[in-house]
Amino acid sequence: MSELGKKSKGRIKQAVGGLTGDKGLKREGEDDEREGQVEGAVADLKHAVAGAVKDAKHALKEVSE
């Protein structure tokens, strides 16, 4: 499931848990939402590292010319 999907699923579980008084479902929703947030942060970090590596390769190529 995608980052957005997990975050949305988590929010829905939290809402349903809050409305029904099911604390376990609410906590499960909080966990799902956090998991989606972590996956998003990891994806952002991967993207940033890939960009930095690309920039470093380009800089090294320019220096070696």
N, C-alpha and C. Protein backbone atom coordinates (compact mmCIF):
# COMPACT_ATOMS: atom_id res chain seq x y z
N MET A 1 0.85 -1.17 0.00
CA MET A 1 0.00 0.00 0.00
C MET A 1 0.90 1.24 0.00
N SER A 2 0.47 2.27 -0.64
CA SER A 2 1.26 3.48 -0.76
C SER A 2 1.27 4.28 0.54
N GLU A 3 2.16 5.24 0.57
CA GLU A 3 2.27 6.14 1.73
C GLU A 3 0.92 6.81 2.00
N LEU A 4 0.35 7.38 0.96
CA LEU A 4 -0.93 8.08 1.12
C LEU A 4 -2.04 7.12 1.54
N GLY A 5 -2.01 5.90 0.99
CA GLY A 5 -3.01 4.90 1.35
C GLY A 5 -2.95 4.52 2.82
N LYS A 6 -1.73 4.32 3.31
CA LYS A 6 -1.57 3.95 4.72
C LYS A 6 -1.98 5.08 5.65
N LYS A 7 -1.62 6.30 5.27
CA LYS A 7 -1.99 7.45 6.09
C LYS A 7 -3.52 7.61 6.13
N SER A 8 -4.14 7.45 4.98
CA SER A 8 -5.60 7.58 4.90
C SER A 8 -6.29 6.46 5.68
N LYS A 9 -5.80 5.24 5.51
CA LYS A 9 -6.37 4.11 6.24
C LYS A 9 -6.25 4.34 7.74
N GLY A 10 -5.10 4.86 8.14
CA GLY A 10 -4.88 5.14 9.55
C GLY A 10 -5.85 6.18 10.09
N ARG A 11 -6.06 7.23 9.32
CA ARG A 11 -6.99 8.28 9.77
C ARG A 11 -8.42 7.75 9.88
N ILE A 12 -8.79 6.90 8.94
CA ILE A 12 -10.14 6.32 8.98
C ILE A 12 -10.30 5.44 10.22
N LYS A 13 -9.29 4.59 10.47
CA LYS A 13 -9.35 3.73 11.66
C LYS A 13 -9.42 4.57 12.94
N GLN A 14 -8.67 5.65 12.98
CA GLN A 14 -8.71 6.52 14.16
C GLN A 14 -10.09 7.11 14.35
N ALA A 15 -10.70 7.55 13.27
CA ALA A 15 -12.03 8.15 13.36
C ALA A 15 -13.06 7.13 13.81
N VAL A 16 -13.02 5.95 13.20
CA VAL A 16 -13.98 4.90 13.56
C VAL A 16 -13.75 4.46 15.00
N GLY A 17 -12.50 4.31 15.38
CA GLY A 17 -12.18 3.93 16.76
C GLY A 17 -12.66 4.98 17.75
N GLY A 18 -12.50 6.24 17.39
CA GLY A 18 -12.96 7.32 18.26
C GLY A 18 -14.47 7.36 18.39
N LEU A 19 -15.17 7.12 17.28
CA LEU A 19 -16.63 7.15 17.29
C LEU A 19 -17.23 5.96 18.04
N THR A 20 -16.57 4.82 17.93
CA THR A 20 -17.11 3.61 18.55
C THR A 20 -16.53 3.34 19.95
N GLY A 21 -15.53 4.13 20.32
CA GLY A 21 -14.90 3.91 21.62
C GLY A 21 -13.91 2.75 21.62
N ASP A 22 -13.51 2.30 20.45
CA ASP A 22 -12.57 1.19 20.32
C ASP A 22 -11.15 1.74 20.35
N LYS A 23 -10.54 1.73 21.53
CA LYS A 23 -9.20 2.30 21.70
C LYS A 23 -8.16 1.53 20.90
N GLY A 24 -8.33 0.23 20.80
CA GLY A 24 -7.39 -0.60 20.03
C GLY A 24 -7.38 -0.22 18.56
N LEU A 25 -8.56 -0.01 17.99
CA LEU A 25 -8.66 0.39 16.59
C LEU A 25 -8.07 1.78 16.39
N LYS A 26 -8.31 2.65 17.34
CA LYS A 26 -7.76 4.00 17.25
C LYS A 26 -6.23 3.96 17.28
N ARG A 27 -5.65 3.16 18.18
CA ARG A 27 -4.19 3.03 18.24
C ARG A 27 -3.63 2.39 16.96
N GLU A 28 -4.35 1.40 16.45
CA GLU A 28 -3.93 0.76 15.21
C GLU A 28 -3.91 1.79 14.08
N GLY A 29 -4.90 2.65 14.05
CA GLY A 29 -4.95 3.71 13.05
C GLY A 29 -3.79 4.68 13.20
N GLU A 30 -3.44 5.01 14.43
CA GLU A 30 -2.30 5.89 14.68
C GLU A 30 -1.01 5.24 14.16
N ASP A 31 -0.89 3.94 14.40
CA ASP A 31 0.29 3.20 13.93
C ASP A 31 0.35 3.19 12.40
N ASP A 32 -0.79 2.94 11.76
CA ASP A 32 -0.83 2.93 10.30
C ASP A 32 -0.45 4.30 9.73
N GLU A 33 -0.96 5.34 10.35
CA GLU A 33 -0.65 6.68 9.86
C GLU A 33 0.85 6.97 10.02
N ARG A 34 1.41 6.61 11.17
CA ARG A 34 2.85 6.81 11.38
C ARG A 34 3.68 6.02 10.38
N GLU A 35 3.24 4.81 10.10
CA GLU A 35 3.95 3.97 9.13
C GLU A 35 3.97 4.66 7.76
N GLY A 36 2.85 5.22 7.37
CA GLY A 36 2.79 5.95 6.10
C GLY A 36 3.70 7.17 6.11
N GLN A 37 3.76 7.86 7.24
CA GLN A 37 4.63 9.03 7.34
C GLN A 37 6.10 8.63 7.23
N VAL A 38 6.46 7.53 7.88
CA VAL A 38 7.84 7.05 7.82
C VAL A 38 8.19 6.64 6.40
N GLU A 39 7.30 5.93 5.73
CA GLU A 39 7.57 5.52 4.35
C GLU A 39 7.75 6.74 3.46
N GLY A 40 6.95 7.78 3.69
CA GLY A 40 7.10 9.02 2.92
C GLY A 40 8.44 9.67 3.18
N ALA A 41 8.87 9.70 4.43
CA ALA A 41 10.15 10.31 4.78
C ALA A 41 11.30 9.52 4.16
N VAL A 42 11.21 8.20 4.17
CA VAL A 42 12.25 7.35 3.57
C VAL A 42 12.30 7.60 2.06
N ALA A 43 11.16 7.69 1.42
CA ALA A 43 11.13 7.96 -0.02
C ALA A 43 11.75 9.32 -0.33
N ASP A 44 11.44 10.33 0.48
CA ASP A 44 12.03 11.66 0.28
C ASP A 44 13.54 11.60 0.45
N LEU A 45 14.00 10.86 1.46
CA LEU A 45 15.44 10.73 1.71
C LEU A 45 16.13 10.03 0.55
N LYS A 46 15.53 8.96 0.04
CA LYS A 46 16.10 8.25 -1.10
C LYS A 46 16.24 9.19 -2.29
N HIS A 47 15.21 9.99 -2.53
CA HIS A 47 15.22 10.93 -3.64
C HIS A 47 16.33 11.96 -3.46
N ALA A 48 16.47 12.47 -2.25
CA ALA A 48 17.51 13.47 -1.96
C ALA A 48 18.90 12.88 -2.14
N VAL A 49 19.11 11.66 -1.67
CA VAL A 49 20.42 11.01 -1.79
C VAL A 49 20.73 10.76 -3.27
N ALA A 50 19.76 10.30 -4.02
CA ALA A 50 19.98 10.05 -5.45
C ALA A 50 20.37 11.35 -6.15
N GLY A 51 19.71 12.44 -5.79
CA GLY A 51 20.04 13.73 -6.38
C GLY A 51 21.44 14.18 -6.00
N ALA A 52 21.82 13.97 -4.76
CA ALA A 52 23.15 14.36 -4.29
C ALA A 52 24.23 13.53 -5.00
N VAL A 53 23.98 12.26 -5.18
CA VAL A 53 24.94 11.39 -5.87
C VAL A 53 25.10 11.84 -7.32
N LYS A 54 23.99 12.16 -7.95
CA LYS A 54 24.03 12.62 -9.34
C LYS A 54 24.82 13.92 -9.43
N ASP A 55 24.57 14.84 -8.51
CA ASP A 55 25.29 16.12 -8.51
C ASP A 55 26.79 15.91 -8.27
N ALA A 56 27.13 14.99 -7.35
CA ALA A 56 28.53 14.71 -7.05
C ALA A 56 29.23 14.11 -8.27
N LYS A 57 28.57 13.20 -8.96
CA LYS A 57 29.16 12.60 -10.16
C LYS A 57 29.40 13.68 -11.22
N HIS A 58 28.44 14.56 -11.37
CA HIS A 58 28.57 15.64 -12.35
C HIS A 58 29.75 16.56 -11.98
N ALA A 59 29.86 16.89 -10.69
CA ALA A 59 30.94 17.76 -10.23
C ALA A 59 32.30 17.09 -10.44
N LEU A 60 32.39 15.81 -10.15
CA LEU A 60 33.66 15.08 -10.36
C LEU A 60 34.03 15.02 -11.84
N LYS A 61 33.05 14.86 -12.67
CA LYS A 61 33.30 14.82 -14.11
C LYS A 61 33.84 16.16 -14.59
N GLU A 62 33.26 17.25 -14.08
CA GLU A 62 33.73 18.58 -14.47
C GLU A 62 35.15 18.83 -13.99
N VAL A 63 35.48 18.40 -12.79
CA VAL A 63 36.81 18.61 -12.22
C VAL A 63 37.86 17.80 -12.99
N SER A 64 37.49 16.63 -13.44
CA SER A 64 38.45 15.76 -14.11
C SER A 64 38.69 16.17 -15.57
N GLU A 65 37.90 17.07 -16.08
CA GLU A 65 38.07 17.49 -17.49
C GLU A 65 39.09 18.56 -17.63
